[in-house]
Amino acid sequence: MHTVLILAGGRRVEALLLSASPDCLRVAIPGRGDLVDLHRLGGDWISERGDRVEIAALIAVDGVSLARFLPRTHARAMAAV
């Protein structure tokens, strides 16, 4: 699943979501040698370094239901492609 993350300082990066649970996301970011784990703390997603990360977009294909993987996550806006 394709995703766009907003990192500390407002920098946006594209990533590939490899696995998801209600409290943990594992993503691959181009140019980084290691996978990145994000953990949910309160209502925020936190990086391994302790930085807050915002999920700007999750783009599902083939009818994948995001609610199944992230039941406590709610869209701020919906857009058709």
PDB file of N, CA and C in Angstrom:
ATOM      1  N   MET A   1       0.845  -1.158   0.000  1.00  0.00           N
ATOM      2  CA  MET A   1       0.000   0.000   0.000  1.00  0.00           C
ATOM      3  C   MET A   1       0.901   1.235   0.000  1.00  0.00           C
ATOM      4  N   HIS A   2       0.603   2.156  -0.846  1.00  0.00           N
ATOM      5  CA  HIS A   2       1.371   3.398  -0.958  1.00  0.00           C
ATOM      6  C   HIS A   2       0.930   4.359   0.143  1.00  0.00           C
ATOM      7  N   THR A   3       1.889   5.069   0.724  1.00  0.00           N
ATOM      8  CA  THR A   3       1.559   6.044   1.757  1.00  0.00           C
ATOM      9  C   THR A   3       2.443   7.274   1.615  1.00  0.00           C
ATOM     10  N   VAL A   4       1.961   8.369   2.135  1.00  0.00           N
ATOM     11  CA  VAL A   4       2.741   9.602   2.218  1.00  0.00           C
ATOM     12  C   VAL A   4       2.819   9.970   3.696  1.00  0.00           C
ATOM     13  N   LEU A   5       4.041  10.182   4.169  1.00  0.00           N
ATOM     14  CA  LEU A   5       4.270  10.528   5.563  1.00  0.00           C
ATOM     15  C   LEU A   5       4.745  11.967   5.662  1.00  0.00           C
ATOM     16  N   ILE A   6       4.357  12.641   6.740  1.00  0.00           N
ATOM     17  CA  ILE A   6       4.885  13.967   7.041  1.00  0.00           C
ATOM     18  C   ILE A   6       5.771  13.801   8.266  1.00  0.00           C
ATOM     19  N   LEU A   7       7.063  14.008   8.066  1.00  0.00           N
ATOM     20  CA  LEU A   7       8.043  13.829   9.132  1.00  0.00           C
ATOM     21  C   LEU A   7       8.211  15.121   9.925  1.00  0.00           C
ATOM     22  N   ALA A   8       8.997  15.043  10.980  1.00  0.00           N
ATOM     23  CA  ALA A   8       9.284  16.226  11.790  1.00  0.00           C
ATOM     24  C   ALA A   8       9.834  17.324  10.894  1.00  0.00           C
ATOM     25  N   GLY A   9       9.403  18.535  11.108  1.00  0.00           N
ATOM     26  CA  GLY A   9       9.839  19.659  10.284  1.00  0.00           C
ATOM     27  C   GLY A   9       8.986  19.861   9.049  1.00  0.00           C
ATOM     28  N   GLY A  10       7.985  18.997   8.840  1.00  0.00           N
ATOM     29  CA  GLY A  10       7.067  19.165   7.715  1.00  0.00           C
ATOM     30  C   GLY A  10       7.495  18.515   6.413  1.00  0.00           C
ATOM     31  N   ARG A  11       8.615  17.798   6.417  1.00  0.00           N
ATOM     32  CA  ARG A  11       9.075  17.144   5.188  1.00  0.00           C
ATOM     33  C   ARG A  11       8.177  15.961   4.849  1.00  0.00           C
ATOM     34  N   ARG A  12       7.726  15.911   3.588  1.00  0.00           N
ATOM     35  CA  ARG A  12       6.868  14.814   3.109  1.00  0.00           C
ATOM     36  C   ARG A  12       7.720  13.789   2.380  1.00  0.00           C
ATOM     37  N   VAL A  13       7.451  12.512   2.674  1.00  0.00           N
ATOM     38  CA  VAL A  13       8.137  11.432   1.975  1.00  0.00           C
ATOM     39  C   VAL A  13       7.123  10.376   1.579  1.00  0.00           C
ATOM     40  N   GLU A  14       7.374   9.761   0.441  1.00  0.00           N
ATOM     41  CA  GLU A  14       6.547   8.640   0.003  1.00  0.00           C
ATOM     42  C   GLU A  14       7.137   7.371   0.587  1.00  0.00           C
ATOM     43  N   ALA A  15       6.275   6.420   0.898  1.00  0.00           N
ATOM     44  CA  ALA A  15       6.726   5.167   1.481  1.00  0.00           C
ATOM     45  C   ALA A  15       5.792   4.042   1.044  1.00  0.00           C
ATOM     46  N   LEU A  16       6.254   2.834   1.262  1.00  0.00           N
ATOM     47  CA  LEU A  16       5.455   1.644   0.983  1.00  0.00           C
ATOM     48  C   LEU A  16       5.098   1.019   2.318  1.00  0.00           C
ATOM     49  N   LEU A  17       3.808   0.903   2.590  1.00  0.00           N
ATOM     50  CA  LEU A  17       3.344   0.285   3.828  1.00  0.00           C
ATOM     51  C   LEU A  17       3.435  -1.224   3.675  1.00  0.00           C
ATOM     52  N   LEU A  18       4.264  -1.854   4.497  1.00  0.00           N
ATOM     53  CA  LEU A  18       4.494  -3.293   4.399  1.00  0.00           C
ATOM     54  C   LEU A  18       3.613  -4.089   5.345  1.00  0.00           C
ATOM     55  N   SER A  19       3.380  -3.558   6.541  1.00  0.00           N
ATOM     56  CA  SER A  19       2.498  -4.230   7.486  1.00  0.00           C
ATOM     57  C   SER A  19       1.860  -3.188   8.390  1.00  0.00           C
ATOM     58  N   ALA A  20       0.691  -3.553   8.908  1.00  0.00           N
ATOM     59  CA  ALA A  20      -0.045  -2.609   9.748  1.00  0.00           C
ATOM     60  C   ALA A  20      -0.840  -3.367  10.797  1.00  0.00           C
ATOM     61  N   SER A  21      -0.871  -2.796  11.969  1.00  0.00           N
ATOM     62  CA  SER A  21      -1.755  -3.233  13.038  1.00  0.00           C
ATOM     63  C   SER A  21      -2.280  -1.960  13.680  1.00  0.00           C
ATOM     64  N   PRO A  22      -3.230  -2.064  14.587  1.00  0.00           N
ATOM     65  CA  PRO A  22      -3.755  -0.829  15.186  1.00  0.00           C
ATOM     66  C   PRO A  22      -2.697   0.034  15.875  1.00  0.00           C
ATOM     67  N   ASP A  23      -1.587  -0.567  16.323  1.00  0.00           N
ATOM     68  CA  ASP A  23      -0.594   0.200  17.075  1.00  0.00           C
ATOM     69  C   ASP A  23       0.799   0.212  16.466  1.00  0.00           C
ATOM     70  N   CYS A  24       0.982  -0.371  15.280  1.00  0.00           N
ATOM     71  CA  CYS A  24       2.310  -0.401  14.671  1.00  0.00           C
ATOM     72  C   CYS A  24       2.203  -0.419  13.145  1.00  0.00           C
ATOM     73  N   LEU A  25       2.998   0.413  12.493  1.00  0.00           N
ATOM     74  CA  LEU A  25       3.107   0.413  11.036  1.00  0.00           C
ATOM     75  C   LEU A  25       4.563   0.150  10.686  1.00  0.00           C
ATOM     76  N   ARG A  26       4.802  -0.667   9.673  1.00  0.00           N
ATOM     77  CA  ARG A  26       6.158  -0.890   9.167  1.00  0.00           C
ATOM     78  C   ARG A  26       6.175  -0.413   7.725  1.00  0.00           C
ATOM     79  N   VAL A  27       7.079   0.522   7.439  1.00  0.00           N
ATOM     80  CA  VAL A  27       7.147   1.118   6.109  1.00  0.00           C
ATOM     81  C   VAL A  27       8.567   1.040   5.555  1.00  0.00           C
ATOM     82  N   ALA A  28       8.649   1.043   4.236  1.00  0.00           N
ATOM     83  CA  ALA A  28       9.922   1.140   3.532  1.00  0.00           C
ATOM     84  C   ALA A  28       9.950   2.509   2.863  1.00  0.00           C
ATOM     85  N   ILE A  29      11.012   3.259   3.127  1.00  0.00           N
ATOM     86  CA  ILE A  29      11.177   4.591   2.554  1.00  0.00           C
ATOM     87  C   ILE A  29      12.355   4.531   1.587  1.00  0.00           C
ATOM     88  N   PRO A  30      12.145   4.926   0.329  1.00  0.00           N
ATOM     89  CA  PRO A  30      13.246   4.890  -0.637  1.00  0.00           C
ATOM     90  C   PRO A  30      14.466   5.670  -0.132  1.00  0.00           C
ATOM     91  N   GLY A  31      15.645   5.091  -0.344  1.00  0.00           N
ATOM     92  CA  GLY A  31      16.875   5.741   0.071  1.00  0.00           C
ATOM     93  C   GLY A  31      17.337   5.376   1.468  1.00  0.00           C
ATOM     94  N   ARG A  32      16.485   4.717   2.225  1.00  0.00           N
ATOM     95  CA  ARG A  32      16.875   4.267   3.571  1.00  0.00           C
ATOM     96  C   ARG A  32      17.149   2.773   3.509  1.00  0.00           C
ATOM     97  N   GLY A  33      18.212   2.350   4.127  1.00  0.00           N
ATOM     98  CA  GLY A  33      18.596   0.947   4.087  1.00  0.00           C
ATOM     99  C   GLY A  33      17.730   0.047   4.947  1.00  0.00           C
ATOM    100  N   ASP A  34      17.168   0.593   6.016  1.00  0.00           N
ATOM    101  CA  ASP A  34      16.375  -0.207   6.946  1.00  0.00           C
ATOM    102  C   ASP A  34      14.899   0.151   6.857  1.00  0.00           C
ATOM    103  N   LEU A  35      14.065  -0.795   7.281  1.00  0.00           N
ATOM    104  CA  LEU A  35      12.641  -0.516   7.394  1.00  0.00           C
ATOM    105  C   LEU A  35      12.411   0.409   8.587  1.00  0.00           C
ATOM    106  N   VAL A  36      11.290   1.120   8.567  1.00  0.00           N
ATOM    107  CA  VAL A  36      10.956   2.061   9.640  1.00  0.00           C
ATOM    108  C   VAL A  36       9.691   1.568  10.338  1.00  0.00           C
ATOM    109  N   ASP A  37       9.741   1.464  11.652  1.00  0.00           N
ATOM    110  CA  ASP A  37       8.571   1.108  12.449  1.00  0.00           C
ATOM    111  C   ASP A  37       8.008   2.362  13.087  1.00  0.00           C
ATOM    112  N   LEU A  38       6.712   2.542  12.958  1.00  0.00           N
ATOM    113  CA  LEU A  38       6.000   3.637  13.611  1.00  0.00           C
ATOM    114  C   LEU A  38       5.072   3.029  14.645  1.00  0.00           C
ATOM    115  N   HIS A  39       5.044   3.601  15.837  1.00  0.00           N
ATOM    116  CA  HIS A  39       4.203   3.082  16.909  1.00  0.00           C
ATOM    117  C   HIS A  39       3.200   4.143  17.320  1.00  0.00           C
ATOM    118  N   ARG A  40       1.994   3.709  17.616  1.00  0.00           N
ATOM    119  CA  ARG A  40       0.933   4.621  18.042  1.00  0.00           C
ATOM    120  C   ARG A  40       1.065   4.852  19.544  1.00  0.00           C
ATOM    121  N   LEU A  41       1.149   6.108  19.926  1.00  0.00           N
ATOM    122  CA  LEU A  41       1.238   6.494  21.323  1.00  0.00           C
ATOM    123  C   LEU A  41       0.184   7.563  21.554  1.00  0.00           C
ATOM    124  N   GLY A  42      -0.825   7.214  22.331  1.00  0.00           N
ATOM    125  CA  GLY A  42      -1.965   8.127  22.462  1.00  0.00           C
ATOM    126  C   GLY A  42      -2.648   8.223  21.116  1.00  0.00           C
ATOM    127  N   GLY A  43      -2.792   9.397  20.574  1.00  0.00           N
ATOM    128  CA  GLY A  43      -3.383   9.578  19.255  1.00  0.00           C
ATOM    129  C   GLY A  43      -2.372   9.863  18.171  1.00  0.00           C
ATOM    130  N   ASP A  44      -1.074   9.743  18.482  1.00  0.00           N
ATOM    131  CA  ASP A  44      -0.026  10.103  17.530  1.00  0.00           C
ATOM    132  C   ASP A  44       0.766   8.886  17.087  1.00  0.00           C
ATOM    133  N   TRP A  45       1.334   8.984  15.880  1.00  0.00           N
ATOM    134  CA  TRP A  45       2.286   7.999  15.390  1.00  0.00           C
ATOM    135  C   TRP A  45       3.681   8.532  15.704  1.00  0.00           C
ATOM    136  N   ILE A  46       4.519   7.674  16.295  1.00  0.00           N
ATOM    137  CA  ILE A  46       5.837   8.070  16.749  1.00  0.00           C
ATOM    138  C   ILE A  46       6.882   7.192  16.054  1.00  0.00           C
ATOM    139  N   SER A  47       7.958   7.836  15.584  1.00  0.00           N
ATOM    140  CA  SER A  47       9.051   7.093  14.942  1.00  0.00           C
ATOM    141  C   SER A  47       9.924   6.430  16.001  1.00  0.00           C
ATOM    142  N   GLU A  48      10.845   5.608  15.536  1.00  0.00           N
ATOM    143  CA  GLU A  48      11.777   4.936  16.444  1.00  0.00           C
ATOM    144  C   GLU A  48      12.652   5.936  17.197  1.00  0.00           C
ATOM    145  N   ARG A  49      12.870   7.118  16.610  1.00  0.00           N
ATOM    146  CA  ARG A  49      13.675   8.169  17.255  1.00  0.00           C
ATOM    147  C   ARG A  49      12.851   9.025  18.209  1.00  0.00           C
ATOM    148  N   GLY A  50      11.540   8.780  18.269  1.00  0.00           N
ATOM    149  CA  GLY A  50      10.675   9.545  19.159  1.00  0.00           C
ATOM    150  C   GLY A  50      10.027  10.751  18.515  1.00  0.00           C
ATOM    151  N   ASP A  51      10.195  10.912  17.196  1.00  0.00           N
ATOM    152  CA  ASP A  51       9.588  12.035  16.487  1.00  0.00           C
ATOM    153  C   ASP A  51       8.147  11.708  16.100  1.00  0.00           C
ATOM    154  N   ARG A  52       7.289  12.714  16.146  1.00  0.00           N
ATOM    155  CA  ARG A  52       5.906  12.563  15.708  1.00  0.00           C
ATOM    156  C   ARG A  52       5.876  12.497  14.182  1.00  0.00           C
ATOM    157  N   VAL A  53       5.108  11.543  13.643  1.00  0.00           N
ATOM    158  CA  VAL A  53       4.956  11.369  12.198  1.00  0.00           C
ATOM    159  C   VAL A  53       3.469  11.395  11.875  1.00  0.00           C
ATOM    160  N   GLU A  54       3.102  12.170  10.875  1.00  0.00           N
ATOM    161  CA  GLU A  54       1.703  12.230  10.454  1.00  0.00           C
ATOM    162  C   GLU A  54       1.523  11.401   9.189  1.00  0.00           C
ATOM    163  N   ILE A  55       0.433  10.681   9.129  1.00  0.00           N
ATOM    164  CA  ILE A  55       0.088   9.916   7.932  1.00  0.00           C
ATOM    165  C   ILE A  55      -0.714  10.852   7.035  1.00  0.00           C
ATOM    166  N   ALA A  56      -0.106  11.311   5.943  1.00  0.00           N
ATOM    167  CA  ALA A  56      -0.780  12.254   5.053  1.00  0.00           C
ATOM    168  C   ALA A  56      -1.718  11.536   4.100  1.00  0.00           C
ATOM    169  N   ALA A  57      -1.344  10.323   3.672  1.00  0.00           N
ATOM    170  CA  ALA A  57      -2.187   9.582   2.733  1.00  0.00           C
ATOM    171  C   ALA A  57      -1.896   8.101   2.825  1.00  0.00           C
ATOM    172  N   LEU A  58      -2.945   7.314   2.725  1.00  0.00           N
ATOM    173  CA  LEU A  58      -2.853   5.870   2.556  1.00  0.00           C
ATOM    174  C   LEU A  58      -3.640   5.550   1.298  1.00  0.00           C
ATOM    175  N   ILE A  59      -2.990   4.981   0.330  1.00  0.00           N
ATOM    176  CA  ILE A  59      -3.631   4.731  -0.954  1.00  0.00           C
ATOM    177  C   ILE A  59      -3.741   3.228  -1.149  1.00  0.00           C
ATOM    178  N   ALA A  60      -4.938   2.724  -1.014  1.00  0.00           N
ATOM    179  CA  ALA A  60      -5.191   1.283  -1.129  1.00  0.00           C
ATOM    180  C   ALA A  60      -5.620   0.947  -2.556  1.00  0.00           C
ATOM    181  N   VAL A  61      -5.274  -0.235  -2.983  1.00  0.00           N
ATOM    182  CA  VAL A  61      -5.672  -0.722  -4.298  1.00  0.00           C
ATOM    183  C   VAL A  61      -6.418  -2.035  -4.146  1.00  0.00           C
ATOM    184  N   ASP A  62      -7.138  -2.394  -5.175  1.00  0.00           N
ATOM    185  CA  ASP A  62      -7.843  -3.681  -5.229  1.00  0.00           C
ATOM    186  C   ASP A  62      -8.844  -3.872  -4.097  1.00  0.00           C
ATOM    187  N   GLY A  63      -9.477  -2.799  -3.659  1.00  0.00           N
ATOM    188  CA  GLY A  63     -10.547  -2.908  -2.676  1.00  0.00           C
ATOM    189  C   GLY A  63     -10.097  -3.257  -1.272  1.00  0.00           C
ATOM    190  N   VAL A  64      -8.846  -3.031  -0.936  1.00  0.00           N
ATOM    191  CA  VAL A  64      -8.352  -3.308   0.413  1.00  0.00           C
ATOM    192  C   VAL A  64      -9.055  -2.366   1.385  1.00  0.00           C
ATOM    193  N   SER A  65      -9.569  -2.905   2.466  1.00  0.00           N
ATOM    194  CA  SER A  65     -10.246  -2.094   3.470  1.00  0.00           C
ATOM    195  C   SER A  65      -9.256  -1.648   4.535  1.00  0.00           C
ATOM    196  N   LEU A  66      -9.022  -0.338   4.621  1.00  0.00           N
ATOM    197  CA  LEU A  66      -8.113   0.188   5.633  1.00  0.00           C
ATOM    198  C   LEU A  66      -8.657  -0.040   7.036  1.00  0.00           C
ATOM    199  N   ALA A  67      -9.972  -0.065   7.179  1.00  0.00           N
ATOM    200  CA  ALA A  67     -10.585  -0.251   8.492  1.00  0.00           C
ATOM    201  C   ALA A  67     -10.192  -1.599   9.093  1.00  0.00           C
ATOM    202  N   ARG A  68      -9.943  -2.572   8.253  1.00  0.00           N
ATOM    203  CA  ARG A  68      -9.543  -3.896   8.741  1.00  0.00           C
ATOM    204  C   ARG A  68      -8.166  -3.847   9.407  1.00  0.00           C
ATOM    205  N   PHE A  69      -7.266  -3.036   8.871  1.00  0.00           N
ATOM    206  CA  PHE A  69      -5.914  -2.956   9.401  1.00  0.00           C
ATOM    207  C   PHE A  69      -5.760  -1.878  10.460  1.00  0.00           C
ATOM    208  N   LEU A  70      -6.467  -0.786  10.317  1.00  0.00           N
ATOM    209  CA  LEU A  70      -6.331   0.351  11.213  1.00  0.00           C
ATOM    210  C   LEU A  70      -7.709   0.790  11.712  1.00  0.00           C
ATOM    211  N   PRO A  71      -8.327   0.002  12.589  1.00  0.00           N
ATOM    212  CA  PRO A  71      -9.717   0.270  12.982  1.00  0.00           C
ATOM    213  C   PRO A  71      -9.932   1.574  13.727  1.00  0.00           C
ATOM    214  N   ARG A  72      -8.910   2.122  14.388  1.00  0.00           N
ATOM    215  CA  ARG A  72      -9.093   3.377  15.136  1.00  0.00           C
ATOM    216  C   ARG A  72      -8.656   4.595  14.340  1.00  0.00           C
ATOM    217  N   THR A  73      -8.361   4.403  13.059  1.00  0.00           N
ATOM    218  CA  THR A  73      -7.914   5.508  12.219  1.00  0.00           C
ATOM    219  C   THR A  73      -9.089   6.024  11.401  1.00  0.00           C
ATOM    220  N   HIS A  74      -9.264   7.304  11.382  1.00  0.00           N
ATOM    221  CA  HIS A  74     -10.362   7.922  10.642  1.00  0.00           C
ATOM    222  C   HIS A  74      -9.819   8.914   9.632  1.00  0.00           C
ATOM    223  N   ALA A  75     -10.369   8.873   8.437  1.00  0.00           N
ATOM    224  CA  ALA A  75      -9.935   9.793   7.373  1.00  0.00           C
ATOM    225  C   ALA A  75     -10.375  11.209   7.701  1.00  0.00           C
ATOM    226  N   ARG A  76      -9.506  12.156   7.400  1.00  0.00           N
ATOM    227  CA  ARG A  76      -9.859  13.570   7.526  1.00  0.00           C
ATOM    228  C   ARG A  76     -10.589  14.045   6.288  1.00  0.00           C
ATOM    229  N   ALA A  77     -10.251  13.465   5.156  1.00  0.00           N
ATOM    230  CA  ALA A  77     -10.889  13.843   3.889  1.00  0.00           C
ATOM    231  C   ALA A  77     -10.886  12.627   2.981  1.00  0.00           C
ATOM    232  N   MET A  78     -11.858  12.561   2.121  1.00  0.00           N
ATOM    233  CA  MET A  78     -11.928  11.467   1.143  1.00  0.00           C
ATOM    234  C   MET A  78     -11.788  12.100  -0.242  1.00  0.00           C
ATOM    235  N   ALA A  79     -11.081  11.421  -1.121  1.00  0.00           N
ATOM    236  CA  ALA A  79     -10.904  11.926  -2.473  1.00  0.00           C
ATOM    237  C   ALA A  79     -11.015  10.772  -3.454  1.00  0.00           C
ATOM    238  N   ALA A  80     -11.590  11.040  -4.586  1.00  0.00           N
ATOM    239  CA  ALA A  80     -11.700  10.043  -5.634  1.00  0.00           C
ATOM    240  C   ALA A  80     -10.576  10.256  -6.635  1.00  0.00           C
ATOM    241  N   VAL A  81     -10.077   9.167  -7.171  1.00  0.00           N
ATOM    242  CA  VAL A  81      -9.002   9.250  -8.168  1.00  0.00           C
ATOM    243  C   VAL A  81      -9.574   8.903  -9.512  1.00  0.00           C
TER     244      VAL A  81
END
